[in-house]
């Protein structure tokens, strides 16, 4: 299953990042370890609460 997600930067709360993945836990780990060029300057990040939909 694929998930869409939104993350908010804890160091700059006005910065949001939108993405998609099949493994949320692993993807958030990559973001917070600085492994994503788009979010690295603004980390750490926190996922915004959401609700999953299953088709």
PDB file of N, CA and C in Angstrom:
ATOM      1  N   UNK A   1       0.846  -1.167   0.000  1.00  0.00           N
ATOM      2  CA  UNK A   1       0.000   0.000   0.000  1.00  0.00           C
ATOM      3  C   UNK A   1       0.899   1.239   0.000  1.00  0.00           C
ATOM      4  N   UNK A   2       0.511   2.262  -0.712  1.00  0.00           N
ATOM      5  CA  UNK A   2       1.241   3.525  -0.755  1.00  0.00           C
ATOM      6  C   UNK A   2       0.531   4.552   0.122  1.00  0.00           C
ATOM      7  N   UNK A   3       1.311   5.421   0.715  1.00  0.00           N
ATOM      8  CA  UNK A   3       0.794   6.460   1.603  1.00  0.00           C
ATOM      9  C   UNK A   3       1.257   7.826   1.125  1.00  0.00           C
ATOM     10  N   UNK A   4       0.400   8.807   1.219  1.00  0.00           N
ATOM     11  CA  UNK A   4       0.769  10.213   1.039  1.00  0.00           C
ATOM     12  C   UNK A   4       0.945  10.777   2.437  1.00  0.00           C
ATOM     13  N   UNK A   5       1.925  11.673   2.596  1.00  0.00           N
ATOM     14  CA  UNK A   5       2.167  12.234   3.925  1.00  0.00           C
ATOM     15  C   UNK A   5       2.596  13.689   3.823  1.00  0.00           C
ATOM     16  N   UNK A   6       2.443  14.396   4.928  1.00  0.00           N
ATOM     17  CA  UNK A   6       2.885  15.784   5.052  1.00  0.00           C
ATOM     18  C   UNK A   6       3.724  15.872   6.314  1.00  0.00           C
ATOM     19  N   UNK A   7       4.889  16.508   6.193  1.00  0.00           N
ATOM     20  CA  UNK A   7       5.760  16.700   7.349  1.00  0.00           C
ATOM     21  C   UNK A   7       5.945  18.195   7.586  1.00  0.00           C
ATOM     22  N   UNK A   8       6.061  18.560   8.851  1.00  0.00           N
ATOM     23  CA  UNK A   8       6.317  19.954   9.231  1.00  0.00           C
ATOM     24  C   UNK A   8       7.687  20.016   9.890  1.00  0.00           C
ATOM     25  N   UNK A   9       8.478  21.003   9.503  1.00  0.00           N
ATOM     26  CA  UNK A   9       9.793  21.197  10.092  1.00  0.00           C
ATOM     27  C   UNK A   9       9.642  21.703  11.523  1.00  0.00           C
ATOM     28  N   UNK A  10      10.373  21.099  12.454  1.00  0.00           N
ATOM     29  CA  UNK A  10      10.343  21.576  13.842  1.00  0.00           C
ATOM     30  C   UNK A  10      11.195  22.831  14.013  1.00  0.00           C
ATOM     31  N   UNK A  11      12.223  23.003  13.168  1.00  0.00           N
ATOM     32  CA  UNK A  11      13.074  24.183  13.279  1.00  0.00           C
ATOM     33  C   UNK A  11      12.486  25.388  12.553  1.00  0.00           C
ATOM     34  N   UNK A  12      11.618  25.155  11.568  1.00  0.00           N
ATOM     35  CA  UNK A  12      10.945  26.229  10.831  1.00  0.00           C
ATOM     36  C   UNK A  12       9.521  25.770  10.537  1.00  0.00           C
ATOM     37  N   UNK A  13       8.595  25.983  11.487  1.00  0.00           N
ATOM     38  CA  UNK A  13       7.232  25.442  11.370  1.00  0.00           C
ATOM     39  C   UNK A  13       6.440  25.894  10.143  1.00  0.00           C
ATOM     40  N   UNK A  14       6.920  26.915   9.425  1.00  0.00           N
ATOM     41  CA  UNK A  14       6.238  27.330   8.202  1.00  0.00           C
ATOM     42  C   UNK A  14       6.574  26.430   7.023  1.00  0.00           C
ATOM     43  N   UNK A  15       7.574  25.574   7.174  1.00  0.00           N
ATOM     44  CA  UNK A  15       7.999  24.690   6.083  1.00  0.00           C
ATOM     45  C   UNK A  15       7.251  23.358   6.157  1.00  0.00           C
ATOM     46  N   UNK A  16       6.587  23.017   5.054  1.00  0.00           N
ATOM     47  CA  UNK A  16       5.895  21.741   4.927  1.00  0.00           C
ATOM     48  C   UNK A  16       6.513  20.960   3.775  1.00  0.00           C
ATOM     49  N   UNK A  17       6.525  19.646   3.896  1.00  0.00           N
ATOM     50  CA  UNK A  17       7.021  18.775   2.837  1.00  0.00           C
ATOM     51  C   UNK A  17       5.948  17.729   2.574  1.00  0.00           C
ATOM     52  N   UNK A  18       5.625  17.529   1.308  1.00  0.00           N
ATOM     53  CA  UNK A  18       4.628  16.543   0.897  1.00  0.00           C
ATOM     54  C   UNK A  18       5.343  15.411   0.182  1.00  0.00           C
ATOM     55  N   UNK A  19       4.974  14.181   0.484  1.00  0.00           N
ATOM     56  CA  UNK A  19       5.601  13.048  -0.176  1.00  0.00           C
ATOM     57  C   UNK A  19       4.719  11.826  -0.192  1.00  0.00           C
ATOM     58  N   UNK A  20       5.245  10.753  -0.762  1.00  0.00           N
ATOM     59  CA  UNK A  20       4.528   9.479  -0.763  1.00  0.00           C
ATOM     60  C   UNK A  20       5.547   8.357  -0.631  1.00  0.00           C
ATOM     61  N   UNK A  21       5.111   7.253  -0.049  1.00  0.00           N
ATOM     62  CA  UNK A  21       5.991   6.111   0.187  1.00  0.00           C
ATOM     63  C   UNK A  21       5.158   4.869   0.475  1.00  0.00           C
ATOM     64  N   UNK A  22       5.791   3.734   0.395  1.00  0.00           N
ATOM     65  CA  UNK A  22       5.126   2.489   0.784  1.00  0.00           C
ATOM     66  C   UNK A  22       5.560   2.067   2.192  1.00  0.00           C
ATOM     67  N   UNK A  23       6.561   2.761   2.773  1.00  0.00           N
ATOM     68  CA  UNK A  23       7.049   2.435   4.117  1.00  0.00           C
ATOM     69  C   UNK A  23       7.245   3.737   4.904  1.00  0.00           C
ATOM     70  N   UNK A  24       6.214   4.156   5.619  1.00  0.00           N
ATOM     71  CA  UNK A  24       6.251   5.436   6.344  1.00  0.00           C
ATOM     72  C   UNK A  24       7.357   5.501   7.388  1.00  0.00           C
ATOM     73  N   UNK A  25       7.504   4.471   8.177  1.00  0.00           N
ATOM     74  CA  UNK A  25       8.493   4.480   9.254  1.00  0.00           C
ATOM     75  C   UNK A  25       9.907   4.670   8.699  1.00  0.00           C
ATOM     76  N   UNK A  26      10.235   3.916   7.658  1.00  0.00           N
ATOM     77  CA  UNK A  26      11.562   4.037   7.048  1.00  0.00           C
ATOM     78  C   UNK A  26      11.757   5.404   6.408  1.00  0.00           C
ATOM     79  N   UNK A  27      10.717   5.909   5.765  1.00  0.00           N
ATOM     80  CA  UNK A  27      10.826   7.210   5.084  1.00  0.00           C
ATOM     81  C   UNK A  27      11.042   8.338   6.089  1.00  0.00           C
ATOM     82  N   UNK A  28      10.336   8.323   7.209  1.00  0.00           N
ATOM     83  CA  UNK A  28      10.523   9.360   8.228  1.00  0.00           C
ATOM     84  C   UNK A  28      11.930   9.278   8.810  1.00  0.00           C
ATOM     85  N   UNK A  29      12.453   8.076   8.959  1.00  0.00           N
ATOM     86  CA  UNK A  29      13.827   7.918   9.453  1.00  0.00           C
ATOM     87  C   UNK A  29      14.828   8.553   8.487  1.00  0.00           C
ATOM     88  N   UNK A  30      14.616   8.355   7.194  1.00  0.00           N
ATOM     89  CA  UNK A  30      15.499   8.956   6.191  1.00  0.00           C
ATOM     90  C   UNK A  30      15.438  10.481   6.283  1.00  0.00           C
ATOM     91  N   UNK A  31      14.238  11.031   6.367  1.00  0.00           N
ATOM     92  CA  UNK A  31      14.084  12.489   6.483  1.00  0.00           C
ATOM     93  C   UNK A  31      14.832  13.015   7.707  1.00  0.00           C
ATOM     94  N   UNK A  32      14.607  12.409   8.849  1.00  0.00           N
ATOM     95  CA  UNK A  32      15.184  12.923  10.092  1.00  0.00           C
ATOM     96  C   UNK A  32      16.680  12.650  10.229  1.00  0.00           C
ATOM     97  N   UNK A  33      17.223  11.762   9.406  1.00  0.00           N
ATOM     98  CA  UNK A  33      18.666  11.518   9.398  1.00  0.00           C
ATOM     99  C   UNK A  33      19.376  12.445   8.410  1.00  0.00           C
ATOM    100  N   UNK A  34      18.605  13.329   7.747  1.00  0.00           N
ATOM    101  CA  UNK A  34      19.195  14.247   6.775  1.00  0.00           C
ATOM    102  C   UNK A  34      19.414  13.627   5.418  1.00  0.00           C
ATOM    103  N   UNK A  35      18.723  12.525   5.129  1.00  0.00           N
ATOM    104  CA  UNK A  35      18.904  11.807   3.877  1.00  0.00           C
ATOM    105  C   UNK A  35      18.068  12.301   2.719  1.00  0.00           C
ATOM    106  N   UNK A  36      17.358  13.395   2.889  1.00  0.00           N
ATOM    107  CA  UNK A  36      16.550  13.960   1.811  1.00  0.00           C
ATOM    108  C   UNK A  36      17.007  15.394   1.573  1.00  0.00           C
ATOM    109  N   UNK A  37      17.405  15.701   0.340  1.00  0.00           N
ATOM    110  CA  UNK A  37      17.940  17.025   0.006  1.00  0.00           C
ATOM    111  C   UNK A  37      16.934  18.137   0.309  1.00  0.00           C
ATOM    112  N   UNK A  38      15.654  17.878   0.082  1.00  0.00           N
ATOM    113  CA  UNK A  38      14.634  18.914   0.263  1.00  0.00           C
ATOM    114  C   UNK A  38      14.357  19.254   1.720  1.00  0.00           C
ATOM    115  N   UNK A  39      14.508  18.288   2.613  1.00  0.00           N
ATOM    116  CA  UNK A  39      14.182  18.538   4.025  1.00  0.00           C
ATOM    117  C   UNK A  39      15.409  18.671   4.917  1.00  0.00           C
ATOM    118  N   UNK A  40      16.580  18.310   4.413  1.00  0.00           N
ATOM    119  CA  UNK A  40      17.791  18.326   5.236  1.00  0.00           C
ATOM    120  C   UNK A  40      18.050  19.676   5.915  1.00  0.00           C
ATOM    121  N   UNK A  41      17.929  20.811   5.213  1.00  0.00           N
ATOM    122  CA  UNK A  41      18.217  22.100   5.864  1.00  0.00           C
ATOM    123  C   UNK A  41      17.202  22.502   6.937  1.00  0.00           C
ATOM    124  N   UNK A  42      16.041  21.855   6.954  1.00  0.00           N
ATOM    125  CA  UNK A  42      14.960  22.283   7.849  1.00  0.00           C
ATOM    126  C   UNK A  42      14.630  21.266   8.933  1.00  0.00           C
ATOM    127  N   UNK A  43      15.367  20.166   9.010  1.00  0.00           N
ATOM    128  CA  UNK A  43      15.061  19.102   9.968  1.00  0.00           C
ATOM    129  C   UNK A  43      15.367  19.508  11.389  1.00  0.00           C
ATOM    130  N   UNK A  44      14.924  18.763  12.363  1.00  0.00           N
ATOM    131  CA  UNK A  44      14.140  17.532  12.201  1.00  0.00           C
ATOM    132  C   UNK A  44      12.699  17.837  11.794  1.00  0.00           C
ATOM    133  N   UNK A  45      12.042  16.815  11.298  1.00  0.00           N
ATOM    134  CA  UNK A  45      10.663  16.952  10.825  1.00  0.00           C
ATOM    135  C   UNK A  45       9.735  16.083  11.641  1.00  0.00           C
ATOM    136  N   UNK A  46       8.475  16.465  11.643  1.00  0.00           N
ATOM    137  CA  UNK A  46       7.448  15.696  12.340  1.00  0.00           C
ATOM    138  C   UNK A  46       6.282  15.471  11.383  1.00  0.00           C
ATOM    139  N   UNK A  47       5.804  14.233  11.249  1.00  0.00           N
ATOM    140  CA  UNK A  47       4.637  14.007  10.385  1.00  0.00           C
ATOM    141  C   UNK A  47       3.396  14.651  10.992  1.00  0.00           C
ATOM    142  N   UNK A  48       2.573  15.228  10.144  1.00  0.00           N
ATOM    143  CA  UNK A  48       1.313  15.796  10.610  1.00  0.00           C
ATOM    144  C   UNK A  48       0.302  14.667  10.759  1.00  0.00           C
ATOM    145  N   UNK A  49      -0.578  14.762  11.749  1.00  0.00           N
ATOM    146  CA  UNK A  49      -1.580  13.703  11.924  1.00  0.00           C
ATOM    147  C   UNK A  49      -2.448  13.590  10.673  1.00  0.00           C
ATOM    148  N   UNK A  50      -2.810  12.399  10.361  1.00  0.00           N
ATOM    149  CA  UNK A  50      -3.636  12.179   9.187  1.00  0.00           C
ATOM    150  C   UNK A  50      -4.487  10.940   9.346  1.00  0.00           C
ATOM    151  N   UNK A  51      -5.205  10.643   8.308  1.00  0.00           N
ATOM    152  CA  UNK A  51      -6.096   9.493   8.327  1.00  0.00           C
ATOM    153  C   UNK A  51      -5.867   8.723   7.040  1.00  0.00           C
ATOM    154  N   UNK A  52      -5.608   7.448   7.151  1.00  0.00           N
ATOM    155  CA  UNK A  52      -5.375   6.625   5.970  1.00  0.00           C
ATOM    156  C   UNK A  52      -6.669   6.236   5.287  1.00  0.00           C
ATOM    157  N   UNK A  53      -6.594   6.079   3.980  1.00  0.00           N
ATOM    158  CA  UNK A  53      -7.720   5.593   3.194  1.00  0.00           C
ATOM    159  C   UNK A  53      -7.290   4.332   2.476  1.00  0.00           C
ATOM    160  N   UNK A  54      -8.115   3.366   2.490  1.00  0.00           N
ATOM    161  CA  UNK A  54      -7.824   2.113   1.821  1.00  0.00           C
ATOM    162  C   UNK A  54      -8.795   1.963   0.657  1.00  0.00           C
ATOM    163  N   UNK A  55      -8.257   1.611  -0.506  1.00  0.00           N
ATOM    164  CA  UNK A  55      -9.120   1.435  -1.684  1.00  0.00           C
ATOM    165  C   UNK A  55      -9.392  -0.009  -1.935  1.00  0.00           C
TER     166      UNK A  55
END
